[in-house]
């Protein structure tokens, strides 16, 4: 039997014992688990079971996180799509005779609103921007599902924070806009398994 399967029981058992050299042992047998399907000595520790389940789910989702190179490609593709959308908005405003809106500070406000609309709309509606569709990634919350509208709005507003784009330079591929909203970008194929 797979040791990780056995430990999934042992970590939640009142009969668990930790040995610094051997790891988790059975308090009754003083040995590593050797059961095949279920342990007849298992007794659920209610105080720890929910915490262990949450940690295991969180670890499972963390291991699915998209790589830094994929996140960079998402950023490049989405930046191109935002520029195209902004170009259409400015073209429409110009054609409608609102040329005064094409000058600063209005153009900056329109650009920010376009960016806000693009990310919030797509991430809250389908969990993916067009760039993420191309790379096969999706935004999920800490429970492994598409984030709520408010979380998507905060994700988008967080992208406006100075130096936020370099927050990916750490050890993992999580940016501030992910950390602050407890969301992450994962490969969509992993979620379908």
Protein backbone atom coordinates (compact mmCIF):
# COMPACT_ATOMS: atom_id res chain seq x y z
CA UNK A 1 0.00 0.00 0.00
CA UNK A 2 1.15 3.54 -0.75
CA UNK A 3 2.65 5.27 2.31
CA UNK A 4 0.96 8.59 1.52
CA UNK A 5 -2.42 6.81 1.48
CA UNK A 6 -1.70 5.29 4.89
CA UNK A 7 -0.53 8.63 6.28
CA UNK A 8 -3.76 10.27 5.12
CA UNK A 9 -5.43 8.15 7.81
CA UNK A 10 -2.67 8.33 10.41
CA UNK A 11 -2.53 12.11 10.41
CA UNK A 12 -6.20 12.19 11.50
CA UNK A 13 -6.01 9.36 14.04
CA UNK A 14 -6.01 9.81 17.82
CA UNK A 15 -3.56 6.89 17.98
CA UNK A 16 -0.83 8.72 16.08
CA UNK A 17 2.63 9.24 17.51
CA UNK A 18 5.47 11.26 16.04
CA UNK A 19 9.02 9.97 16.14
CA UNK A 20 11.73 12.39 14.87
CA UNK A 21 13.64 9.55 13.19
CA UNK A 22 10.75 7.46 11.84
CA UNK A 23 7.98 10.02 11.30
CA UNK A 24 4.34 9.27 12.12
CA UNK A 25 3.85 5.95 13.94
CA UNK A 26 0.93 4.12 15.51
CA UNK A 27 0.80 4.80 19.25
CA UNK A 28 -0.52 1.28 19.85
CA UNK A 29 1.91 -0.77 17.69
CA UNK A 30 4.80 1.76 17.89
CA UNK A 31 5.49 1.03 14.23
CA UNK A 32 4.90 2.57 10.81
CA UNK A 33 1.47 1.86 9.33
CA UNK A 34 1.20 -1.49 7.55
CA UNK A 35 -2.53 -1.74 6.80
CA UNK A 36 -3.74 -2.26 3.23
CA UNK A 37 -7.19 -0.69 2.85
CA UNK A 38 -8.27 0.51 6.29
CA UNK A 39 -6.77 0.43 9.77
CA UNK A 40 -8.79 -1.41 12.42
CA UNK A 41 -7.07 0.75 15.09
CA UNK A 42 -8.16 4.01 13.42
CA UNK A 43 -10.06 6.47 15.61
CA UNK A 44 -10.84 9.87 14.07
CA UNK A 45 -9.38 12.88 15.88
CA UNK A 46 -12.15 15.44 15.32
CA UNK A 47 -9.96 18.34 16.45
CA UNK A 48 -7.35 17.80 13.75
CA UNK A 49 -9.25 16.10 10.88
CA UNK A 50 -10.72 19.25 9.33
CA UNK A 51 -7.39 21.10 9.53
CA UNK A 52 -5.56 18.19 7.87
CA UNK A 53 -8.16 18.04 5.08
CA UNK A 54 -7.83 21.79 4.44
CA UNK A 55 -4.02 21.54 4.36
CA UNK A 56 -4.11 18.58 1.97
CA UNK A 57 -6.53 20.40 -0.35
CA UNK A 58 -4.40 23.55 -0.22
CA UNK A 59 -1.24 21.55 -0.96
CA UNK A 60 -2.94 19.80 -3.86
CA UNK A 61 -3.96 23.15 -5.37
CA UNK A 62 -0.51 24.67 -4.73
CA UNK A 63 1.14 21.88 -6.71
CA UNK A 64 -1.05 22.76 -9.72
CA UNK A 65 0.05 26.40 -9.92
CA UNK A 66 1.03 27.62 -13.38
CA UNK A 67 4.75 28.25 -13.95
CA UNK A 68 6.35 31.68 -14.05
CA UNK A 69 6.89 31.40 -17.81
CA UNK A 70 3.20 30.60 -18.33
CA UNK A 71 2.23 33.53 -16.11
CA UNK A 72 4.53 35.81 -18.13
CA UNK A 73 2.98 34.59 -21.37
CA UNK A 74 -0.50 35.24 -19.89
CA UNK A 75 0.58 38.79 -19.05
CA UNK A 76 1.98 39.44 -22.54
CA UNK A 77 -1.09 38.02 -24.32
CA UNK A 78 -3.55 39.82 -22.05
CA UNK A 79 -1.64 43.10 -22.46
CA UNK A 80 -2.01 42.75 -26.23
CA UNK A 81 -5.75 42.04 -25.89
CA UNK A 82 -6.21 45.02 -23.53
CA UNK A 83 -4.41 47.27 -26.04
CA UNK A 84 -6.69 46.02 -28.84
CA UNK A 85 -9.78 46.63 -26.68
CA UNK A 86 -8.54 50.12 -25.72
CA UNK A 87 -7.86 50.87 -29.41
CA UNK A 88 -11.47 49.91 -30.22
CA UNK A 89 -12.79 52.11 -27.41
CA UNK A 90 -10.69 55.09 -28.57
CA UNK A 91 -11.71 54.48 -32.20
CA UNK A 92 -15.38 54.41 -31.18
CA UNK A 93 -15.02 57.63 -29.15
CA UNK A 94 -13.24 59.34 -32.05
CA UNK A 95 -15.89 58.20 -34.54
CA UNK A 96 -18.61 59.45 -32.17
CA UNK A 97 -16.99 62.89 -32.13
CA UNK A 98 -15.67 62.76 -28.55
CA UNK A 99 -12.11 63.76 -29.40
CA UNK A 100 -11.73 65.66 -26.12
CA UNK A 101 -11.94 62.27 -24.33
CA UNK A 102 -8.84 61.12 -26.19
CA UNK A 103 -6.61 63.63 -24.41
CA UNK A 104 -5.07 63.35 -20.94
CA UNK A 105 -6.31 62.82 -18.23
CA UNK A 106 -9.40 61.27 -19.85
CA UNK A 107 -7.35 58.86 -21.96
CA UNK A 108 -5.61 57.56 -18.83
CA UNK A 109 -8.95 57.05 -17.09
CA UNK A 110 -10.38 55.27 -20.14
CA UNK A 111 -7.29 53.03 -20.33
CA UNK A 112 -7.61 52.11 -16.64
CA UNK A 113 -11.35 51.41 -16.99
CA UNK A 114 -10.67 49.24 -20.06
CA UNK A 115 -8.10 47.25 -18.09
CA UNK A 116 -10.46 46.96 -15.12
CA UNK A 117 -13.32 45.80 -17.33
CA UNK A 118 -11.21 43.29 -19.27
CA UNK A 119 -9.80 41.35 -16.32
CA UNK A 120 -12.84 41.59 -14.03
CA UNK A 121 -15.31 40.65 -16.76
CA UNK A 122 -13.49 37.59 -18.06
CA UNK A 123 -12.16 36.26 -14.74
CA UNK A 124 -15.53 36.56 -12.97
CA UNK A 125 -17.53 35.23 -15.94
CA UNK A 126 -15.44 32.23 -17.03
CA UNK A 127 -12.40 32.24 -14.71
CA UNK A 128 -10.12 32.95 -17.66
CA UNK A 129 -8.99 35.90 -19.71
CA UNK A 130 -8.42 35.30 -23.44
CA UNK A 131 -4.68 35.02 -22.67
CA UNK A 132 -5.38 32.30 -20.11
CA UNK A 133 -7.63 30.49 -22.60
CA UNK A 134 -4.70 30.35 -25.04
CA UNK A 135 -2.26 29.05 -22.40
CA UNK A 136 -4.80 26.64 -20.90
CA UNK A 137 -4.81 28.21 -17.44
CA UNK A 138 -7.65 29.28 -15.17
CA UNK A 139 -8.07 31.41 -12.02
CA UNK A 140 -9.33 29.56 -8.94
CA UNK A 141 -9.88 30.53 -5.32
CA UNK A 142 -8.58 28.65 -2.27
CA UNK A 143 -11.47 26.19 -2.60
CA UNK A 144 -10.54 25.28 -6.17
CA UNK A 145 -13.44 27.05 -7.90
CA UNK A 146 -13.87 30.22 -9.96
CA UNK A 147 -13.53 33.31 -7.74
CA UNK A 148 -16.46 35.60 -6.97
CA UNK A 149 -16.92 38.93 -8.78
CA UNK A 150 -15.56 40.91 -5.81
CA UNK A 151 -12.37 38.84 -5.68
CA UNK A 152 -11.87 39.36 -9.42
CA UNK A 153 -12.35 43.11 -8.97
CA UNK A 154 -9.78 43.19 -6.14
CA UNK A 155 -7.37 41.06 -8.25
CA UNK A 156 -7.65 43.62 -11.03
CA UNK A 157 -7.27 46.66 -8.75
CA UNK A 158 -4.25 44.98 -7.12
CA UNK A 159 -2.54 44.91 -10.51
CA UNK A 160 -2.42 48.72 -10.35
CA UNK A 161 -0.17 48.70 -7.27
CA UNK A 162 3.35 49.90 -8.12
CA UNK A 163 5.87 47.05 -8.36
CA UNK A 164 3.09 44.42 -8.38
CA UNK A 165 4.40 42.87 -11.62
CA UNK A 166 7.76 42.13 -9.96
CA UNK A 167 6.05 40.37 -7.04
CA UNK A 168 6.44 37.20 -9.15
CA UNK A 169 10.22 37.27 -8.81
CA UNK A 170 10.16 35.34 -5.51
CA UNK A 171 10.39 31.59 -5.07
CA UNK A 172 6.90 30.82 -6.34
CA UNK A 173 4.81 32.10 -9.23
CA UNK A 174 2.30 33.89 -7.01
CA UNK A 175 1.88 37.62 -7.39
CA UNK A 176 0.41 40.03 -4.90
CA UNK A 177 -2.90 40.07 -6.77
CA UNK A 178 -3.08 36.29 -6.16
CA UNK A 179 -1.97 36.39 -2.52
CA UNK A 180 -4.23 39.29 -1.52
CA UNK A 181 -7.34 37.56 -2.89
CA UNK A 182 -6.34 33.98 -1.99
CA UNK A 183 -6.54 32.99 -5.65
CA UNK A 184 -4.13 31.29 -7.99
CA UNK A 185 -3.68 30.50 -11.65
CA UNK A 186 -3.48 26.79 -12.44
CA UNK A 187 -3.36 24.61 -15.53
CA UNK A 188 -6.96 23.90 -16.50
CA UNK A 189 -6.09 20.33 -17.48
CA UNK A 190 -5.22 19.56 -13.84
CA UNK A 191 -8.70 20.57 -12.69
CA UNK A 192 -10.31 18.22 -15.21
CA UNK A 193 -8.51 15.15 -13.82
